[in-house]
C-alpha atoms as a PDB file:
ATOM      1  CA  MET A   1      64.938  26.392 147.371  1.00  0.00           C
ATOM      2  CA  ASP A   2      61.935  28.700 147.513  1.00  0.00           C
ATOM      3  CA  PRO A   3      62.352  32.438 146.636  1.00  0.00           C
ATOM      4  CA  GLU A   4      62.753  33.449 150.294  1.00  0.00           C
ATOM      5  CA  GLN A   5      65.603  30.980 150.816  1.00  0.00           C
ATOM      6  CA  LEU A   6      67.268  32.153 147.604  1.00  0.00           C
ATOM      7  CA  TYR A   7      67.027  35.744 148.803  1.00  0.00           C
ATOM      8  CA  THR A   8      68.605  34.848 152.155  1.00  0.00           C
ATOM      9  CA  ALA A   9      71.437  33.009 150.400  1.00  0.00           C
ATOM     10  CA  PHE A  10      72.022  36.038 148.153  1.00  0.00           C
ATOM     11  CA  VAL A  11      72.220  38.452 151.091  1.00  0.00           C
ATOM     12  CA  ASN A  12      74.643  36.130 152.884  1.00  0.00           C
ATOM     13  CA  GLU A  13      76.915  36.141 149.851  1.00  0.00           C
ATOM     14  CA  LEU A  14      76.760  39.935 149.578  1.00  0.00           C
ATOM     15  CA  GLU A  15      77.962  40.204 153.163  1.00  0.00           C
ATOM     16  CA  HIS A  16      81.085  38.232 152.247  1.00  0.00           C
ATOM     17  CA  ARG A  17      81.918  40.457 149.273  1.00  0.00           C
ATOM     18  CA  ASP A  18      84.142  43.529 149.341  1.00  0.00           C
ATOM     19  CA  LEU A  19      81.192  45.916 149.588  1.00  0.00           C
ATOM     20  CA  GLY A  20      80.297  48.674 152.004  1.00  0.00           C
ATOM     21  CA  GLU A  21      77.519  48.181 154.534  1.00  0.00           C
ATOM     22  CA  LYS A  22      75.365  50.852 152.898  1.00  0.00           C
ATOM     23  CA  THR A  23      75.761  49.219 149.469  1.00  0.00           C
ATOM     24  CA  ILE A  24      74.820  45.791 150.806  1.00  0.00           C
ATOM     25  CA  ARG A  25      71.733  47.225 152.462  1.00  0.00           C
ATOM     26  CA  ALA A  26      70.701  49.013 149.251  1.00  0.00           C
ATOM     27  CA  TYR A  27      71.090  45.884 147.083  1.00  0.00           C
ATOM     28  CA  SER A  28      69.251  43.749 149.625  1.00  0.00           C
ATOM     29  CA  ASN A  29      66.372  46.224 149.858  1.00  0.00           C
ATOM     30  CA  ASP A  30      66.152  46.424 146.066  1.00  0.00           C
ATOM     31  CA  ILE A  31      65.731  42.665 145.736  1.00  0.00           C
ATOM     32  CA  ARG A  32      63.252  42.622 148.602  1.00  0.00           C
ATOM     33  CA  GLN A  33      61.266  45.292 146.730  1.00  0.00           C
ATOM     34  CA  TYR A  34      61.323  43.124 143.610  1.00  0.00           C
ATOM     35  CA  MET A  35      60.143  40.066 145.544  1.00  0.00           C
ATOM     36  CA  LYS A  36      57.155  41.952 146.925  1.00  0.00           C
ATOM     37  CA  LYS A  37      55.826  42.182 143.382  1.00  0.00           C
ATOM     38  CA  TYR A  38      57.011  38.769 142.188  1.00  0.00           C
ATOM     39  CA  HIS A  39      56.962  36.465 145.195  1.00  0.00           C
ATOM     40  CA  ASP A  40      56.513  33.040 143.599  1.00  0.00           C
ATOM     41  CA  GLN A  41      58.577  30.901 141.210  1.00  0.00           C
ATOM     42  CA  ASP A  42      57.605  33.201 138.333  1.00  0.00           C
ATOM     43  CA  SER A  43      59.823  35.836 139.955  1.00  0.00           C
ATOM     44  CA  LEU A  44      62.826  34.013 138.449  1.00  0.00           C
ATOM     45  CA  SER A  45      61.649  34.145 134.843  1.00  0.00           C
ATOM     46  CA  PRO A  46      63.117  36.422 132.134  1.00  0.00           C
ATOM     47  CA  GLN A  47      59.628  37.778 131.494  1.00  0.00           C
ATOM     48  CA  SER A  48      59.313  38.915 135.130  1.00  0.00           C
ATOM     49  CA  PHE A  49      62.693  40.664 134.935  1.00  0.00           C
ATOM     50  CA  ARG A  50      61.684  42.530 131.781  1.00  0.00           C
ATOM     51  CA  THR A  51      58.262  43.435 133.150  1.00  0.00           C
ATOM     52  CA  TYR A  52      59.767  44.800 136.354  1.00  0.00           C
ATOM     53  CA  VAL A  53      62.249  46.993 134.494  1.00  0.00           C
ATOM     54  CA  GLY A  54      59.506  48.184 132.143  1.00  0.00           C
ATOM     55  CA  GLU A  55      57.323  49.191 135.092  1.00  0.00           C
ATOM     56  CA  MET A  56      60.181  51.138 136.631  1.00  0.00           C
ATOM     57  CA  LEU A  57      60.870  52.966 133.370  1.00  0.00           C
ATOM     58  CA  ALA A  58      57.201  53.930 133.167  1.00  0.00           C
ATOM     59  CA  SER A  59      57.145  55.166 136.773  1.00  0.00           C
ATOM     60  CA  ASN A  60      58.254  58.442 138.337  1.00  0.00           C
ATOM     61  CA  LEU A  61      61.322  56.907 139.964  1.00  0.00           C
ATOM     62  CA  LYS A  62      64.591  58.799 139.738  1.00  0.00           C
ATOM     63  CA  ALA A  63      66.960  57.614 137.021  1.00  0.00           C
ATOM     64  CA  SER A  64      69.599  56.860 139.678  1.00  0.00           C
ATOM     65  CA  THR A  65      67.132  54.618 141.556  1.00  0.00           C
ATOM     66  CA  ILE A  66      66.200  52.718 138.405  1.00  0.00           C
ATOM     67  CA  GLN A  67      69.837  52.215 137.511  1.00  0.00           C
ATOM     68  CA  ARG A  68      70.715  50.918 140.982  1.00  0.00           C
ATOM     69  CA  ARG A  69      67.758  48.532 141.046  1.00  0.00           C
ATOM     70  CA  ILE A  70      68.786  47.102 137.682  1.00  0.00           C
ATOM     71  CA  ILE A  71      72.323  46.592 139.006  1.00  0.00           C
ATOM     72  CA  SER A  72      70.892  44.868 142.083  1.00  0.00           C
ATOM     73  CA  LEU A  73      68.705  42.623 139.939  1.00  0.00           C
ATOM     74  CA  LYS A  74      71.657  41.786 137.697  1.00  0.00           C
ATOM     75  CA  LEU A  75      73.740  40.774 140.720  1.00  0.00           C
ATOM     76  CA  TYR A  76      70.891  38.641 142.027  1.00  0.00           C
ATOM     77  CA  VAL A  77      70.303  36.882 138.711  1.00  0.00           C
ATOM     78  CA  ASN A  78      74.033  36.268 138.164  1.00  0.00           C
ATOM     79  CA  PHE A  79      74.185  34.772 141.653  1.00  0.00           C
ATOM     80  CA  LEU A  80      71.319  32.412 140.815  1.00  0.00           C
ATOM     81  CA  VAL A  81      72.893  31.441 137.474  1.00  0.00           C
ATOM     82  CA  GLU A  82      76.283  30.730 139.067  1.00  0.00           C
ATOM     83  CA  HIS A  83      74.636  28.350 141.526  1.00  0.00           C
ATOM     84  CA  HIS A  84      72.579  26.691 138.748  1.00  0.00           C
ATOM     85  CA  TRP A  85      69.250  27.702 140.257  1.00  0.00           C
ATOM     86  CA  ILE A  86      68.093  29.348 137.031  1.00  0.00           C
ATOM     87  CA  ALA A  87      69.170  29.322 133.392  1.00  0.00           C
ATOM     88  CA  ALA A  88      71.543  31.968 132.046  1.00  0.00           C
ATOM     89  CA  PHE A  89      69.929  35.293 131.164  1.00  0.00           C
ATOM     90  CA  ASP A  90      71.226  38.016 128.803  1.00  0.00           C
ATOM     91  CA  PHE A  91      71.014  41.324 130.660  1.00  0.00           C
ATOM     92  CA  LYS A  92      71.710  43.357 127.531  1.00  0.00           C
ATOM     93  CA  THR A  93      67.954  43.381 127.015  1.00  0.00           C
ATOM     94  CA  LEU A  94      67.613  45.294 130.312  1.00  0.00           C
ATOM     95  CA  ARG A  95      70.175  47.987 129.564  1.00  0.00           C
ATOM     96  CA  PHE A  96      69.207  51.416 130.841  1.00  0.00           C
ATOM     97  CA  HIS A  97      70.980  54.624 129.854  1.00  0.00           C
ATOM     98  CA  ARG A  98      70.981  57.228 132.580  1.00  0.00           C
ATOM     99  CA  ASN A  99      71.334  60.858 131.586  1.00  0.00           C
ATOM    100  CA  ARG A 100      74.518  62.173 133.114  1.00  0.00           C
ATOM    101  CA  ARG A 101      74.125  64.994 135.595  1.00  0.00           C
ATOM    102  CA  LEU A 102      77.045  67.266 136.288  1.00  0.00           C
ATOM    103  CA  PRO A 103      78.127  67.520 139.942  1.00  0.00           C
ATOM    104  CA  ARG A 104      76.689  70.472 141.840  1.00  0.00           C
ATOM    105  CA  VAL A 105      79.182  72.677 143.650  1.00  0.00           C
ATOM    106  CA  LEU A 106      79.305  75.609 146.039  1.00  0.00           C
ATOM    107  CA  SER A 107      81.157  78.777 145.078  1.00  0.00           C
ATOM    108  CA  ARG A 108      84.076  80.023 147.132  1.00  0.00           C
ATOM    109  CA  PHE A 109      81.845  82.805 148.385  1.00  0.00           C
ATOM    110  CA  GLU A 110      79.247  80.309 149.599  1.00  0.00           C
ATOM    111  CA  ILE A 111      81.885  78.198 151.334  1.00  0.00           C
ATOM    112  CA  GLN A 112      83.265  81.330 152.986  1.00  0.00           C
ATOM    113  CA  LYS A 113      79.774  82.238 154.226  1.00  0.00           C
ATOM    114  CA  LEU A 114      79.319  78.701 155.561  1.00  0.00           C
ATOM    115  CA  LEU A 115      82.604  78.792 157.477  1.00  0.00           C
ATOM    116  CA  GLN A 116      81.974  82.292 158.787  1.00  0.00           C
ATOM    117  CA  CYS A 117      78.643  81.134 160.169  1.00  0.00           C
ATOM    118  CA  LEU A 118      80.354  78.309 162.078  1.00  0.00           C
ATOM    119  CA  TYR A 119      83.005  80.521 163.654  1.00  0.00           C
ATOM    120  CA  ASP A 120      80.425  83.192 164.514  1.00  0.00           C
ATOM    121  CA  GLU A 121      78.374  80.596 166.394  1.00  0.00           C
ATOM    122  CA  GLN A 122      81.389  79.679 168.521  1.00  0.00           C
ATOM    123  CA  GLU A 123      81.715  83.315 169.575  1.00  0.00           C
ATOM    124  CA  THR A 124      78.024  83.763 170.367  1.00  0.00           C
ATOM    125  CA  ALA A 125      77.320  80.394 172.052  1.00  0.00           C
ATOM    126  CA  LYS A 126      75.408  81.016 175.285  1.00  0.00           C
ATOM    127  CA  THR A 127      76.394  77.843 177.156  1.00  0.00           C
ATOM    128  CA  SER A 128      79.515  75.703 177.371  1.00  0.00           C
ATOM    129  CA  PHE A 129      77.645  72.797 175.784  1.00  0.00           C
ATOM    130  CA  MET A 130      76.539  74.927 172.824  1.00  0.00           C
ATOM    131  CA  ASN A 131      80.124  76.080 172.420  1.00  0.00           C
ATOM    132  CA  ARG A 132      81.403  72.473 172.407  1.00  0.00           C
ATOM    133  CA  GLU A 133      78.880  71.528 169.728  1.00  0.00           C
ATOM    134  CA  ALA A 134      79.865  74.552 167.656  1.00  0.00           C
ATOM    135  CA  VAL A 135      83.542  73.604 167.971  1.00  0.00           C
ATOM    136  CA  ARG A 136      82.764  70.022 166.912  1.00  0.00           C
ATOM    137  CA  ASN A 137      80.619  71.153 164.002  1.00  0.00           C
ATOM    138  CA  THR A 138      83.322  73.543 162.815  1.00  0.00           C
ATOM    139  CA  ALA A 139      85.857  70.709 162.768  1.00  0.00           C
ATOM    140  CA  ILE A 140      83.417  68.520 160.805  1.00  0.00           C
ATOM    141  CA  ILE A 141      82.731  71.084 158.077  1.00  0.00           C
ATOM    142  CA  GLU A 142      86.372  72.196 157.940  1.00  0.00           C
ATOM    143  CA  LEU A 143      87.501  68.601 157.376  1.00  0.00           C
ATOM    144  CA  LEU A 144      84.907  67.999 154.657  1.00  0.00           C
ATOM    145  CA  ILE A 145      85.922  71.177 152.832  1.00  0.00           C
ATOM    146  CA  CYS A 146      89.660  70.619 153.190  1.00  0.00           C
ATOM    147  CA  THR A 147      89.829  66.932 152.229  1.00  0.00           C
ATOM    148  CA  GLY A 148      86.779  66.097 150.100  1.00  0.00           C
ATOM    149  CA  LEU A 149      85.786  63.191 152.347  1.00  0.00           C
ATOM    150  CA  ARG A 150      82.519  61.351 151.882  1.00  0.00           C
ATOM    151  CA  ILE A 151      80.342  61.846 154.961  1.00  0.00           C
ATOM    152  CA  GLY A 152      80.287  58.074 155.463  1.00  0.00           C
ATOM    153  CA  GLU A 153      84.076  58.100 155.628  1.00  0.00           C
ATOM    154  CA  LEU A 154      84.007  60.960 158.118  1.00  0.00           C
ATOM    155  CA  SER A 155      81.534  59.067 160.292  1.00  0.00           C
ATOM    156  CA  LEU A 156      83.860  56.038 160.427  1.00  0.00           C
ATOM    157  CA  MET A 157      86.946  57.999 161.477  1.00  0.00           C
ATOM    158  CA  ASN A 158      88.533  57.269 164.858  1.00  0.00           C
ATOM    159  CA  VAL A 159      90.722  59.504 166.984  1.00  0.00           C
ATOM    160  CA  ASP A 160      93.803  57.389 166.306  1.00  0.00           C
ATOM    161  CA  ASP A 161      93.353  57.756 162.550  1.00  0.00           C
ATOM    162  CA  ILE A 162      94.739  61.321 162.672  1.00  0.00           C
ATOM    163  CA  ASN A 163      98.479  61.884 163.073  1.00  0.00           C
ATOM    164  CA  GLN A 164      98.897  65.425 164.420  1.00  0.00           C
ATOM    165  CA  HIS A 165     102.634  65.420 163.689  1.00  0.00           C
ATOM    166  CA  SER A 166     102.366  64.779 159.949  1.00  0.00           C
ATOM    167  CA  TRP A 167      98.701  65.808 159.707  1.00  0.00           C
ATOM    168  CA  THR A 168      97.891  62.739 157.689  1.00  0.00           C
ATOM    169  CA  PHE A 169      95.022  60.388 158.399  1.00  0.00           C
ATOM    170  CA  ILE A 170      93.756  57.024 157.211  1.00  0.00           C
ATOM    171  CA  VAL A 171      90.404  56.863 155.434  1.00  0.00           C
ATOM    172  CA  GLN A 172      88.231  53.768 155.226  1.00  0.00           C
ATOM    173  CA  GLY A 173      86.750  54.205 151.755  1.00  0.00           C
ATOM    174  CA  LYS A 174      84.193  52.284 149.730  1.00  0.00           C
ATOM    175  CA  GLY A 175      84.686  48.536 149.661  1.00  0.00           C
ATOM    176  CA  SER A 176      86.945  48.765 152.757  1.00  0.00           C
ATOM    177  CA  LYS A 177      89.689  50.357 150.634  1.00  0.00           C
ATOM    178  CA  GLU A 178      92.056  52.527 152.647  1.00  0.00           C
ATOM    179  CA  ARG A 179      93.784  55.705 151.517  1.00  0.00           C
ATOM    180  CA  ILE A 180      95.840  58.403 153.232  1.00  0.00           C
ATOM    181  CA  LEU A 181      94.857  62.076 153.138  1.00  0.00           C
ATOM    182  CA  TYR A 182      96.666  65.199 154.284  1.00  0.00           C
ATOM    183  CA  VAL A 183      95.214  68.183 156.156  1.00  0.00           C
ATOM    184  CA  SER A 184      96.866  71.018 154.252  1.00  0.00           C
ATOM    185  CA  SER A 185      94.979  73.974 155.764  1.00  0.00           C
ATOM    186  CA  LEU A 186      96.375  75.525 158.944  1.00  0.00           C
ATOM    187  CA  GLU A 187      92.885  76.747 159.866  1.00  0.00           C
ATOM    188  CA  THR A 188      91.478  73.226 159.526  1.00  0.00           C
ATOM    189  CA  ARG A 189      94.249  71.872 161.740  1.00  0.00           C
ATOM    190  CA  LYS A 190      93.428  74.462 164.390  1.00  0.00           C
ATOM    191  CA  ALA A 191      89.746  73.515 164.226  1.00  0.00           C
ATOM    192  CA  ILE A 192      90.581  69.827 164.718  1.00  0.00           C
ATOM    193  CA  ARG A 193      92.955  70.553 167.611  1.00  0.00           C
ATOM    194  CA  GLN A 194      90.315  72.720 169.276  1.00  0.00           C
ATOM    195  CA  TYR A 195      87.740  69.953 168.953  1.00  0.00           C
ATOM    196  CA  LEU A 196      90.086  67.280 170.292  1.00  0.00           C
ATOM    197  CA  ARG A 197      90.629  69.419 173.404  1.00  0.00           C
ATOM    198  CA  VAL A 198      86.884  69.410 174.188  1.00  0.00           C
ATOM    199  CA  ARG A 199      85.990  65.951 172.841  1.00  0.00           C
ATOM    200  CA  ALA A 200      86.382  64.304 176.278  1.00  0.00           C
ATOM    201  CA  LYS A 201      83.571  66.512 177.615  1.00  0.00           C
ATOM    202  CA  PHE A 202      81.142  64.644 175.325  1.00  0.00           C
ATOM    203  CA  ASP A 203      81.963  61.508 177.375  1.00  0.00           C
ATOM    204  CA  PRO A 204      82.887  59.353 174.317  1.00  0.00           C
ATOM    205  CA  GLN A 205      81.767  55.738 174.534  1.00  0.00           C
ATOM    206  CA  ASP A 206      84.363  54.476 172.041  1.00  0.00           C
ATOM    207  CA  SER A 207      87.208  55.688 169.797  1.00  0.00           C
ATOM    208  CA  ALA A 208      84.967  57.521 167.299  1.00  0.00           C
ATOM    209  CA  LEU A 209      86.427  60.874 166.296  1.00  0.00           C
ATOM    210  CA  PHE A 210      83.121  62.726 166.099  1.00  0.00           C
ATOM    211  CA  VAL A 211      80.509  61.911 168.728  1.00  0.00           C
ATOM    212  CA  ASN A 212      77.049  63.180 169.630  1.00  0.00           C
ATOM    213  CA  LYS A 213      75.801  64.535 172.954  1.00  0.00           C
ATOM    214  CA  PHE A 214      75.469  60.968 174.258  1.00  0.00           C
ATOM    215  CA  GLY A 215      79.091  60.175 173.429  1.00  0.00           C
ATOM    216  CA  LEU A 216      78.128  57.876 170.542  1.00  0.00           C
ATOM    217  CA  ARG A 217      79.577  57.945 167.031  1.00  0.00           C
ATOM    218  CA  LEU A 218      77.949  60.541 164.816  1.00  0.00           C
ATOM    219  CA  SER A 219      75.944  58.858 162.069  1.00  0.00           C
ATOM    220  CA  ILE A 220      75.851  59.863 158.414  1.00  0.00           C
ATOM    221  CA  TRP A 221      72.423  61.416 158.968  1.00  0.00           C
ATOM    222  CA  SER A 222      73.644  63.432 161.943  1.00  0.00           C
ATOM    223  CA  ILE A 223      76.529  64.825 159.886  1.00  0.00           C
ATOM    224  CA  GLU A 224      74.092  65.718 157.100  1.00  0.00           C
ATOM    225  CA  ASN A 225      71.921  67.529 159.646  1.00  0.00           C
ATOM    226  CA  VAL A 226      74.949  69.479 160.880  1.00  0.00           C
ATOM    227  CA  PHE A 227      75.534  70.667 157.322  1.00  0.00           C
ATOM    228  CA  TYR A 228      71.850  71.514 156.747  1.00  0.00           C
ATOM    229  CA  LYS A 229      71.768  73.612 159.913  1.00  0.00           C
ATOM    230  CA  TYR A 230      74.584  75.908 158.796  1.00  0.00           C
ATOM    231  CA  ARG A 231      73.505  75.858 155.160  1.00  0.00           C
ATOM    232  CA  ASP A 232      70.184  77.369 156.172  1.00  0.00           C
ATOM    233  CA  ILE A 233      71.652  79.843 158.652  1.00  0.00           C
ATOM    234  CA  SER A 234      74.241  81.087 156.150  1.00  0.00           C
ATOM    235  CA  HIS A 235      71.629  81.369 153.346  1.00  0.00           C
ATOM    236  CA  ILE A 236      73.652  79.554 150.715  1.00  0.00           C
ATOM    237  CA  SER A 237      71.994  77.351 148.066  1.00  0.00           C
ATOM    238  CA  SER A 238      68.944  75.711 149.628  1.00  0.00           C
ATOM    239  CA  GLN A 239      69.488  72.657 147.388  1.00  0.00           C
ATOM    240  CA  ALA A 240      73.002  72.012 148.713  1.00  0.00           C
ATOM    241  CA  THR A 241      73.905  68.803 150.513  1.00  0.00           C
ATOM    242  CA  ALA A 242      77.079  67.906 152.378  1.00  0.00           C
ATOM    243  CA  HIS A 243      78.215  66.052 149.245  1.00  0.00           C
ATOM    244  CA  TYR A 244      78.447  69.409 147.443  1.00  0.00           C
ATOM    245  CA  LEU A 245      81.569  70.053 149.548  1.00  0.00           C
ATOM    246  CA  ARG A 246      83.237  66.989 148.012  1.00  0.00           C
ATOM    247  CA  HIS A 247      82.289  68.159 144.514  1.00  0.00           C
ATOM    248  CA  SER A 248      83.604  71.644 145.281  1.00  0.00           C
ATOM    249  CA  PHE A 249      86.874  70.222 146.623  1.00  0.00           C
ATOM    250  CA  ALA A 250      87.508  68.222 143.444  1.00  0.00           C
ATOM    251  CA  THR A 251      86.512  71.023 141.086  1.00  0.00           C
ATOM    252  CA  GLU A 252      88.726  73.594 142.793  1.00  0.00           C
ATOM    253  CA  LEU A 253      91.719  71.236 142.683  1.00  0.00           C
ATOM    254  CA  LEU A 254      91.318  70.826 138.925  1.00  0.00           C
ATOM    255  CA  ASN A 255      90.726  74.558 138.443  1.00  0.00           C
ATOM    256  CA  ASN A 256      94.011  75.237 140.226  1.00  0.00           C
ATOM    257  CA  GLY A 257      95.984  72.820 138.056  1.00  0.00           C
ATOM    258  CA  ALA A 258      95.961  69.541 140.011  1.00  0.00           C
ATOM    259  CA  ASP A 259      96.618  66.370 138.016  1.00  0.00           C
ATOM    260  CA  LEU A 260      93.514  64.284 137.303  1.00  0.00           C
ATOM    261  CA  ARG A 261      95.176  61.081 138.555  1.00  0.00           C
ATOM    262  CA  VAL A 262      96.076  62.736 141.846  1.00  0.00           C
ATOM    263  CA  VAL A 263      92.499  63.977 142.284  1.00  0.00           C
ATOM    264  CA  GLN A 264      91.285  60.427 141.594  1.00  0.00           C
ATOM    265  CA  GLU A 265      93.475  59.098 144.423  1.00  0.00           C
ATOM    266  CA  LEU A 266      92.445  61.863 146.826  1.00  0.00           C
ATOM    267  CA  LEU A 267      88.759  61.163 146.208  1.00  0.00           C
ATOM    268  CA  GLY A 268      89.201  57.392 146.438  1.00  0.00           C
ATOM    269  CA  HIS A 269      87.635  56.711 143.029  1.00  0.00           C
ATOM    270  CA  ALA A 270      88.207  53.205 141.696  1.00  0.00           C
ATOM    271  CA  SER A 271      88.068  54.464 138.100  1.00  0.00           C
ATOM    272  CA  ILE A 272      89.416  57.700 136.649  1.00  0.00           C
ATOM    273  CA  THR A 273      86.255  57.864 134.524  1.00  0.00           C
ATOM    274  CA  THR A 274      84.349  58.810 137.684  1.00  0.00           C
ATOM    275  CA  THR A 275      86.811  61.625 138.369  1.00  0.00           C
ATOM    276  CA  GLN A 276      86.764  62.932 134.806  1.00  0.00           C
ATOM    277  CA  ILE A 277      83.248  64.284 135.209  1.00  0.00           C
ATOM    278  CA  TYR A 278      84.728  67.083 137.336  1.00  0.00           C
ATOM    279  CA  THR A 279      86.664  68.324 134.318  1.00  0.00           C
ATOM    280  CA  GLU A 280      83.272  69.251 132.849  1.00  0.00           C
ATOM    281  CA  ILE A 281      82.702  71.857 135.551  1.00  0.00           C
ATOM    282  CA  ALA A 282      86.311  72.968 136.108  1.00  0.00           C
ATOM    283  CA  THR A 283      86.018  76.321 134.342  1.00  0.00           C
ATOM    284  CA  VAL A 284      89.383  78.105 134.646  1.00  0.00           C
ATOM    285  CA  ASP A 285      91.013  76.577 131.545  1.00  0.00           C
ATOM    286  CA  LYS A 286      87.811  77.029 129.566  1.00  0.00           C
ATOM    287  CA  VAL A 287      87.471  80.690 130.547  1.00  0.00           C
ATOM    288  CA  ASN A 288      91.128  81.391 129.744  1.00  0.00           C
ATOM    289  CA  ALA A 289      90.818  79.646 126.374  1.00  0.00           C
ATOM    290  CA  LEU A 290      87.711  81.627 125.480  1.00  0.00           C
ATOM    291  CA  ARG A 291      89.276  84.916 126.545  1.00  0.00           C
ATOM    292  CA  GLN A 292      92.382  84.246 124.487  1.00  0.00           C
ATOM    293  CA  TYR A 293      91.081  82.464 121.400  1.00  0.00           C
ATOM    294  CA  ASN A 294      87.375  83.168 120.945  1.00  0.00           C
ATOM    295  CA  MET A 295      86.879  84.748 117.525  1.00  0.00           C
ATOM    296  CA  ARG A 296      84.127  87.032 118.835  1.00  0.00           C
ATOM    297  CA  ASN A 297      86.608  88.802 121.121  1.00  0.00           C
ATOM    298  CA  MET A 298      88.580  89.941 118.049  1.00  0.00           C
ATOM    299  CA  ILE A 299      85.711  91.381 116.020  1.00  0.00           C
ATOM    300  CA  GLN A 300      85.098  95.111 116.480  1.00  0.00           C
ATOM    301  CA  ILE A 301      81.754  96.664 115.563  1.00  0.00           C
ATOM    302  CA  ASN A 302      81.221 100.403 115.219  1.00  0.00           C
ATOM    303  CA  SER A 303      77.784 101.193 116.561  1.00  0.00           C
ATOM    304  CA  ARG A 304      76.304 103.722 118.943  1.00  0.00           C
ATOM    305  CA  LEU A 305      74.327 100.852 120.476  1.00  0.00           C
ATOM    306  CA  LEU A 306      77.577  99.381 121.800  1.00  0.00           C
ATOM    307  CA  GLN A 307      78.749 102.643 123.397  1.00  0.00           C
END
């Protein structure tokens, strides 16, 4: 097979794996990017792999992008080795250590400002359509705050996924893994009920829970834009993304004493190692420990400068 045929075969196999659509697209695009630089038989040589990684390390690419592209390349090479199209290759020589970044969160005050902005817009909406959009947007942000959903999971939700008697709903997570979440906030429940009463006026074209003005399922990018709109109006952190709400959800649970394993299940993390990073920014136990045990708190100095 020529490189193009090998690429097509690789993408076909990805589509039959237990991977999300977004992940498949990212891996496919990464390999396509690689093939633009190495488009002949030399593209399958260990030297080409090393050169490509070296060029990325020397570039201004984000560490997360480099790491993902290496993962994509590793998947591609393993696929070729398994089918005996190339000789085995030791990927330890391409190992890349990414500096860990702590999750960014919003404070309770910022989340309160965000919610207040949404409810204020409902009261000041000048047309019935603007009011319906405000009601929908309130339900979206309320659900993200209350449950820690990924925006991709929110986009995939259907009306029938929510049980208004038990207030549980089914989530289609990464890799088509399902989990059940619970809407614990009475205010969030009210926001969802209010939206469901006006949803029909959007003329939905299918069973999608959240739809746009044309009645079509809201995309991930549309949900992000909803968040950005109210982020800017409420004047909270200008760097915030909708994913900050998920980080804030997890951090607050741990701050309030939730078990790490339970938080892992609520977030839909495959590994508890992913969840453990939130313990780094859960501050309540650390603050209490420092207040109670820090040696400096117990040392008294007599000085007019401290009066």
